[in-house]
């Protein structure tokens, strides 16, 4: 049983910033996310795309924003349960909650903050007959450990940043990398497209376009794929097939938790973004209220106010006096301290 003060469901920007705001109040956080790494859409879908409306950053790449948020919160030592989806919630007699994931991991906390963005993300799967049979038998939708592909024959499908970036990375890991895309044009960062072109010329990436993987082969595990390009069918040996077609957001099991739902979003009180279940909050794109704007900066604001209410629930009767970090400094749970330099009292002759 993992115990914490605030259990955050969703490790996107809003969830990650909650770690920092909770840490200022001496509250510990643990995060659950169905994706294999923190960052939500910023990490999985558009890590190399610039964001222009983050205060203090005229322009910042989505992936860099994730790195900065992780760096900002690491002093408060958050815990992570990644690659698992929050499945059930049970309210305890003392008002706390136990949240269990689809893999059976249990988490116990007095406060639950749902920061799941647009919901739990599920991979968009190609319409290939018997693809479900080969899942975890050579077909993967996420790359968790690149070493799994060491000296293997890998086929990747997709035309976005993820497909390009992983093709480039695995070119130095796998024995053979084939990138398949249904169009000749790729929608990704220019430097990634140019790098794939370079690796193709060097013979380190096989590029097949316009084409699609249309069939999978193998008895107990994948050993080959059929690639269709126009009227031509190509049978290719493959140990792994990785379709990277993006993610489909769904509210998922959270929709069955008894929360008040409106248009696939969770209704909240705008005072502190608490749901109709006391102790359960919803912040960021997953919530809805009059005037709601689905912006990262709005999620940061909601996280800040939510943490203030969480503190009062966890510490009933205890008064918290808000102090600016420029005045109070920051004491990390790892023993570090950050503070502004003290003023020097010195006479001027």
Protein backbone atom coordinates (compact mmCIF):
# COMPACT_ATOMS: atom_id res chain seq x y z
CA UNK A 1 0.00 0.00 0.00
CA UNK A 2 1.44 3.33 -1.09
CA UNK A 3 0.52 6.09 1.38
CA UNK A 4 0.70 9.81 0.68
CA UNK A 5 -1.00 13.11 1.54
CA UNK A 6 -2.29 13.93 -1.96
CA UNK A 7 -2.77 11.24 -4.57
CA UNK A 8 -2.62 12.85 -8.01
CA UNK A 9 -4.16 10.99 -10.92
CA UNK A 10 -2.40 12.27 -14.02
CA UNK A 11 1.25 13.28 -14.39
CA UNK A 12 0.77 16.02 -17.00
CA UNK A 13 1.83 19.64 -16.39
CA UNK A 14 -1.00 20.36 -13.93
CA UNK A 15 -0.30 17.22 -11.90
CA UNK A 16 3.44 17.92 -11.84
CA UNK A 17 2.98 21.53 -10.71
CA UNK A 18 0.68 20.30 -7.91
CA UNK A 19 3.72 18.55 -6.42
CA UNK A 20 5.46 21.90 -5.99
CA UNK A 21 2.46 23.75 -4.55
CA UNK A 22 1.71 20.89 -2.15
CA UNK A 23 5.36 20.75 -1.12
CA UNK A 24 5.26 24.39 -0.04
CA UNK A 25 2.53 23.30 2.39
CA UNK A 26 4.62 20.32 3.60
CA UNK A 27 2.27 17.89 1.86
CA UNK A 28 3.64 14.86 0.04
CA UNK A 29 2.36 13.71 -3.35
CA UNK A 30 2.24 10.49 -5.33
CA UNK A 31 1.20 10.44 -9.00
CA UNK A 32 -0.50 7.75 -11.09
CA UNK A 33 -0.39 7.86 -14.88
CA UNK A 34 -1.32 5.35 -17.57
CA UNK A 35 1.58 6.57 -19.71
CA UNK A 36 5.06 5.14 -19.10
CA UNK A 37 6.62 8.54 -18.38
CA UNK A 38 5.53 11.86 -16.80
CA UNK A 39 4.39 14.79 -18.91
CA UNK A 40 1.08 13.67 -20.42
CA UNK A 41 0.49 14.93 -23.94
CA UNK A 42 3.53 17.21 -23.67
CA UNK A 43 5.82 14.18 -23.49
CA UNK A 44 3.91 11.64 -25.53
CA UNK A 45 2.36 13.58 -28.41
CA UNK A 46 4.23 16.84 -29.01
CA UNK A 47 7.49 17.03 -27.00
CA UNK A 48 9.18 19.13 -29.69
CA UNK A 49 6.35 21.56 -30.28
CA UNK A 50 6.69 25.07 -28.80
CA UNK A 51 4.20 26.48 -26.29
CA UNK A 52 3.82 30.26 -26.25
CA UNK A 53 1.49 31.03 -23.32
CA UNK A 54 3.45 29.85 -20.28
CA UNK A 55 4.16 32.89 -18.05
CA UNK A 56 7.81 33.88 -18.11
CA UNK A 57 8.59 31.79 -21.19
CA UNK A 58 8.03 33.57 -24.52
CA UNK A 59 8.53 30.13 -26.06
CA UNK A 60 9.24 26.71 -24.53
CA UNK A 61 9.18 23.22 -26.02
CA UNK A 62 6.55 20.95 -24.46
CA UNK A 63 9.21 18.40 -23.56
CA UNK A 64 11.34 21.07 -21.88
CA UNK A 65 8.33 22.28 -19.89
CA UNK A 66 7.95 18.75 -18.53
CA UNK A 67 11.64 18.60 -17.61
CA UNK A 68 11.42 21.96 -15.84
CA UNK A 69 8.34 20.93 -13.86
CA UNK A 70 10.01 17.69 -12.79
CA UNK A 71 13.10 19.65 -11.74
CA UNK A 72 10.97 22.17 -9.84
CA UNK A 73 9.18 19.46 -7.90
CA UNK A 74 11.95 16.93 -7.30
CA UNK A 75 12.99 18.59 -3.99
CA UNK A 76 9.62 17.43 -2.63
CA UNK A 77 10.38 13.80 -3.56
CA UNK A 78 7.15 12.79 -5.32
CA UNK A 79 6.39 9.14 -5.95
CA UNK A 80 5.21 7.75 -9.29
CA UNK A 81 3.14 4.79 -10.41
CA UNK A 82 3.57 4.89 -14.19
CA UNK A 83 2.17 2.66 -16.91
CA UNK A 84 -0.87 1.93 -14.75
CA UNK A 85 -4.40 3.33 -14.88
CA UNK A 86 -6.42 4.33 -11.82
CA UNK A 87 -9.28 1.84 -11.85
CA UNK A 88 -11.31 1.99 -8.62
CA UNK A 89 -11.74 4.30 -5.64
CA UNK A 90 -13.03 3.26 -2.21
CA UNK A 91 -13.90 5.73 0.52
CA UNK A 92 -12.77 4.64 3.99
CA UNK A 93 -14.58 5.20 7.28
CA UNK A 94 -12.15 8.00 8.20
CA UNK A 95 -12.93 9.85 4.97
CA UNK A 96 -9.71 8.86 3.20
CA UNK A 97 -9.53 6.94 -0.07
CA UNK A 98 -7.93 3.81 -1.49
CA UNK A 99 -7.33 3.95 -5.23
CA UNK A 100 -6.39 0.74 -7.02
CA UNK A 101 -4.86 0.57 -10.50
CA UNK A 102 -5.57 -1.88 -13.29
CA UNK A 103 -2.45 -3.79 -12.18
CA UNK A 104 -3.60 -4.04 -8.57
CA UNK A 105 -1.33 -1.36 -7.06
CA UNK A 106 -3.12 0.24 -4.10
CA UNK A 107 -2.72 3.84 -2.95
CA UNK A 108 -4.08 5.36 0.28
CA UNK A 109 -4.54 9.12 0.74
CA UNK A 110 -6.88 11.60 2.46
CA UNK A 111 -6.99 13.70 -0.74
CA UNK A 112 -7.38 12.63 -4.36
CA UNK A 113 -6.65 15.17 -7.09
CA UNK A 114 -7.74 14.13 -10.57
CA UNK A 115 -5.45 15.93 -13.00
CA UNK A 116 -5.97 13.57 -15.89
CA UNK A 117 -6.04 16.16 -18.67
CA UNK A 118 -8.56 14.95 -21.21
CA UNK A 119 -8.71 11.59 -19.45
CA UNK A 120 -6.64 8.43 -19.55
CA UNK A 121 -4.87 8.02 -22.86
CA UNK A 122 -5.22 4.85 -24.88
CA UNK A 123 -3.16 4.17 -27.99
CA UNK A 124 -4.85 4.48 -31.36
CA UNK A 125 -4.57 0.98 -32.74
CA UNK A 126 -4.40 0.18 -36.45
CA UNK A 127 -7.24 -1.90 -37.86
CA UNK A 128 -5.24 -5.07 -38.39
CA UNK A 129 -6.84 -8.46 -37.93
CA UNK A 130 -5.60 -10.38 -34.85
CA UNK A 131 -3.45 -7.46 -33.62
CA UNK A 132 -4.75 -8.06 -30.08
CA UNK A 133 -3.24 -11.57 -30.15
CA UNK A 134 0.24 -10.15 -30.72
CA UNK A 135 0.06 -7.47 -28.01
CA UNK A 136 2.94 -8.18 -25.61
CA UNK A 137 4.08 -10.83 -28.10
CA UNK A 138 5.91 -8.41 -30.35
CA UNK A 139 3.37 -5.62 -30.73
CA UNK A 140 3.87 -2.62 -28.43
CA UNK A 141 2.23 0.80 -28.43
CA UNK A 142 4.74 2.40 -26.06
CA UNK A 143 8.49 2.03 -25.77
CA UNK A 144 9.34 1.66 -22.09
CA UNK A 145 12.80 0.09 -22.30
CA UNK A 146 14.71 0.59 -25.57
CA UNK A 147 17.06 -2.26 -24.62
CA UNK A 148 14.22 -4.69 -25.35
CA UNK A 149 14.91 -3.96 -29.03
CA UNK A 150 18.66 -4.52 -28.88
CA UNK A 151 19.75 -6.44 -32.02
CA UNK A 152 16.10 -7.03 -33.03
CA UNK A 153 14.25 -6.31 -36.27
CA UNK A 154 11.79 -3.49 -35.60
CA UNK A 155 8.99 -2.09 -37.75
CA UNK A 156 7.55 1.31 -36.73
CA UNK A 157 4.40 2.82 -38.24
CA UNK A 158 3.49 6.51 -38.02
CA UNK A 159 4.31 9.92 -39.40
CA UNK A 160 4.60 12.16 -36.33
CA UNK A 161 7.28 13.10 -33.84
CA UNK A 162 7.09 9.85 -31.85
CA UNK A 163 7.56 7.64 -34.92
CA UNK A 164 10.44 9.78 -36.19
CA UNK A 165 12.19 10.14 -32.84
CA UNK A 166 12.02 6.44 -31.96
CA UNK A 167 13.16 5.42 -35.43
CA UNK A 168 16.21 7.65 -34.97
CA UNK A 169 16.91 6.36 -31.47
CA UNK A 170 16.50 2.68 -32.31
CA UNK A 171 18.71 2.97 -35.40
CA UNK A 172 21.67 2.55 -33.03
CA UNK A 173 20.00 -0.17 -30.95
CA UNK A 174 18.07 -2.52 -33.23
CA UNK A 175 19.67 -4.66 -35.93
CA UNK A 176 17.14 -3.32 -38.42
CA UNK A 177 14.63 -0.45 -38.30
CA UNK A 178 11.86 -0.03 -40.87
CA UNK A 179 9.68 3.07 -40.76
CA UNK A 180 6.33 2.77 -42.55
CA UNK A 181 4.04 5.72 -43.25
CA UNK A 182 0.95 5.95 -45.41
CA UNK A 183 2.13 9.24 -46.89
CA UNK A 184 5.44 10.47 -48.28
CA UNK A 185 5.21 13.58 -46.08
CA UNK A 186 5.88 13.48 -42.33
CA UNK A 187 4.36 15.80 -39.73
CA UNK A 188 7.18 16.22 -37.28
CA UNK A 189 10.05 18.47 -36.27
CA UNK A 190 12.14 19.45 -39.29
CA UNK A 191 15.40 18.30 -37.69
CA UNK A 192 13.87 14.86 -37.05
CA UNK A 193 12.68 14.53 -40.65
CA UNK A 194 16.14 15.52 -41.90
CA UNK A 195 17.81 13.05 -39.50
CA UNK A 196 15.62 10.18 -40.75
CA UNK A 197 16.49 11.14 -44.34
CA UNK A 198 20.19 11.07 -43.43
CA UNK A 199 19.90 7.67 -41.70
CA UNK A 200 18.02 6.31 -44.71
CA UNK A 201 20.89 7.34 -47.02
CA UNK A 202 23.34 5.68 -44.61
CA UNK A 203 21.31 2.46 -44.74
CA UNK A 204 20.47 2.58 -41.02
CA UNK A 205 16.70 3.07 -41.51
CA UNK A 206 14.51 1.42 -44.14
CA UNK A 207 11.82 3.89 -45.20
CA UNK A 208 8.67 2.53 -46.87
CA UNK A 209 6.18 5.17 -48.09
CA UNK A 210 3.39 5.51 -48.99
CA UNK A 211 2.49 2.22 -47.35
CA UNK A 212 0.73 0.55 -44.43
CA UNK A 213 1.27 -2.55 -42.33
CA UNK A 214 -1.76 -4.68 -43.17
CA UNK A 215 -1.06 -8.10 -41.63
CA UNK A 216 0.92 -9.69 -38.80
CA UNK A 217 2.48 -13.15 -38.82
CA UNK A 218 3.85 -15.63 -36.31
CA UNK A 219 2.74 -18.55 -34.17
CA UNK A 220 3.39 -17.86 -30.49
CA UNK A 221 4.95 -14.46 -31.15
CA UNK A 222 5.42 -11.99 -33.98
CA UNK A 223 7.97 -12.95 -36.61
CA UNK A 224 6.86 -10.94 -39.63
CA UNK A 225 4.55 -8.29 -41.11
CA UNK A 226 2.96 -7.62 -44.46
CA UNK A 227 3.41 -4.09 -45.81
CA UNK A 228 1.04 -2.95 -48.55
CA UNK A 229 2.23 -0.21 -50.89
CA UNK A 230 -0.22 0.40 -53.71
CA UNK A 231 -0.70 -2.96 -55.43
CA UNK A 232 2.53 -4.35 -53.99
CA UNK A 233 2.66 -6.52 -50.88
CA UNK A 234 5.96 -6.87 -49.03
CA UNK A 235 6.54 -9.66 -46.50
CA UNK A 236 9.13 -8.49 -43.98
CA UNK A 237 10.73 -10.33 -41.08
CA UNK A 238 10.08 -8.52 -37.79
CA UNK A 239 10.56 -9.21 -34.09
CA UNK A 240 8.60 -6.13 -33.06
CA UNK A 241 5.87 -3.95 -34.57
CA UNK A 242 5.36 -0.55 -32.95
CA UNK A 243 2.38 1.47 -34.30
CA UNK A 244 2.72 5.07 -33.11
CA UNK A 245 -0.51 6.74 -34.21
CA UNK A 246 -1.01 8.97 -31.18
CA UNK A 247 -3.30 8.63 -28.20
CA UNK A 248 -7.05 8.72 -27.79
CA UNK A 249 -8.25 10.49 -24.62
CA UNK A 250 -11.00 8.82 -22.60
CA UNK A 251 -12.34 9.55 -19.14
CA UNK A 252 -12.07 5.81 -18.54
CA UNK A 253 -12.93 4.14 -15.21
CA UNK A 254 -13.00 7.54 -13.44
CA UNK A 255 -16.35 8.06 -15.15
CA UNK A 256 -17.78 5.31 -12.92
CA UNK A 257 -16.62 6.81 -9.62
CA UNK A 258 -19.90 8.60 -8.87
CA UNK A 259 -18.57 11.99 -9.91
CA UNK A 260 -20.85 14.55 -11.53
CA UNK A 261 -19.99 14.46 -15.23
CA UNK A 262 -20.87 16.95 -17.95
CA UNK A 263 -19.76 16.45 -21.57
CA UNK A 264 -17.03 13.98 -20.60
CA UNK A 265 -15.59 16.37 -17.98
CA UNK A 266 -15.91 16.50 -14.18
CA UNK A 267 -17.99 19.31 -12.67
CA UNK A 268 -16.31 21.18 -9.83
CA UNK A 269 -16.87 23.99 -7.37
CA UNK A 270 -14.86 27.02 -8.53
CA UNK A 271 -13.99 27.90 -4.93
CA UNK A 272 -11.38 25.14 -4.73
CA UNK A 273 -12.17 22.77 -7.64
CA UNK A 274 -13.62 20.12 -5.36
CA UNK A 275 -16.01 17.61 -6.93
CA UNK A 276 -19.34 16.41 -5.55
CA UNK A 277 -17.33 13.89 -3.49
CA UNK A 278 -15.67 15.68 -0.53
CA UNK A 279 -11.92 15.17 -0.60
CA UNK A 280 -11.82 14.49 -4.34
CA UNK A 281 -10.73 17.40 -6.53
CA UNK A 282 -10.45 17.78 -10.31
CA UNK A 283 -7.97 20.22 -11.81
CA UNK A 284 -6.81 21.03 -15.32
CA UNK A 285 -8.47 20.01 -18.56
CA UNK A 286 -10.39 17.15 -16.92
CA UNK A 287 -12.75 19.53 -15.08
CA UNK A 288 -15.52 21.84 -16.22
CA UNK A 289 -17.26 24.93 -14.82
CA UNK A 290 -18.75 28.12 -16.16
CA UNK A 291 -16.07 30.06 -18.00
CA UNK A 292 -13.63 27.13 -18.07
CA UNK A 293 -10.57 27.56 -20.33
CA UNK A 294 -8.54 24.47 -21.20
CA UNK A 295 -5.11 26.05 -20.82
CA UNK A 296 -2.05 24.78 -18.95
CA UNK A 297 -1.72 28.08 -17.06
CA UNK A 298 -5.32 27.72 -15.82
CA UNK A 299 -4.47 24.25 -14.53
CA UNK A 300 -1.57 25.76 -12.55
CA UNK A 301 -3.96 28.24 -10.92
CA UNK A 302 -6.48 25.53 -10.07
CA UNK A 303 -3.76 23.33 -8.56
CA UNK A 304 -2.64 26.17 -6.29
CA UNK A 305 -6.11 26.81 -4.84
CA UNK A 306 -6.81 23.08 -4.56
CA UNK A 307 -3.71 22.56 -2.42
CA UNK A 308 -4.86 25.27 0.02
CA UNK A 309 -8.15 23.40 0.59
CA UNK A 310 -6.34 20.07 0.80
CA UNK A 311 -4.17 21.49 3.59
CA UNK A 312 -7.25 22.48 5.59
CA UNK A 313 -8.80 19.03 5.21
CA UNK A 314 -5.60 17.25 6.24
CA UNK A 315 -4.88 19.72 9.07
CA UNK A 316 -8.30 20.67 10.52
CA UNK A 317 -8.11 23.67 12.83
CA UNK A 318 -4.51 24.43 11.92
CA UNK A 319 -4.02 27.86 10.42
CA UNK A 320 -1.68 28.32 7.50
CA UNK A 321 -0.23 31.77 6.86
CA UNK A 322 0.62 32.31 3.21
CA UNK A 323 4.14 33.62 2.71
CA UNK A 324 5.82 34.47 -0.55
CA UNK A 325 8.68 32.14 -1.45
CA UNK A 326 10.88 35.24 -1.76
CA UNK A 327 10.33 35.73 2.00
CA UNK A 328 10.04 32.21 3.40
CA UNK A 329 12.34 30.32 1.04
CA UNK A 330 11.73 26.67 0.18
CA UNK A 331 12.61 23.69 2.35
CA UNK A 332 12.70 20.52 0.31
CA UNK A 333 11.87 17.09 1.71
CA UNK A 334 15.33 16.04 0.53
CA UNK A 335 17.01 18.39 3.02
CA UNK A 336 17.72 21.17 0.56
CA UNK A 337 16.87 24.79 1.17
CA UNK A 338 16.43 27.62 -1.29
CA UNK A 339 16.20 31.21 -0.13
CA UNK A 340 16.93 34.72 -1.28
CA UNK A 341 20.28 36.15 -0.14
CA UNK A 342 20.02 37.98 3.17
CA UNK A 343 20.34 41.73 3.11
CA UNK A 344 23.71 42.92 4.37
CA UNK A 345 23.64 45.60 7.06
CA UNK A 346 26.66 47.80 6.51
CA UNK A 347 27.39 51.45 7.07
CA UNK A 348 28.51 53.62 4.21
CA UNK A 349 31.33 55.94 5.22
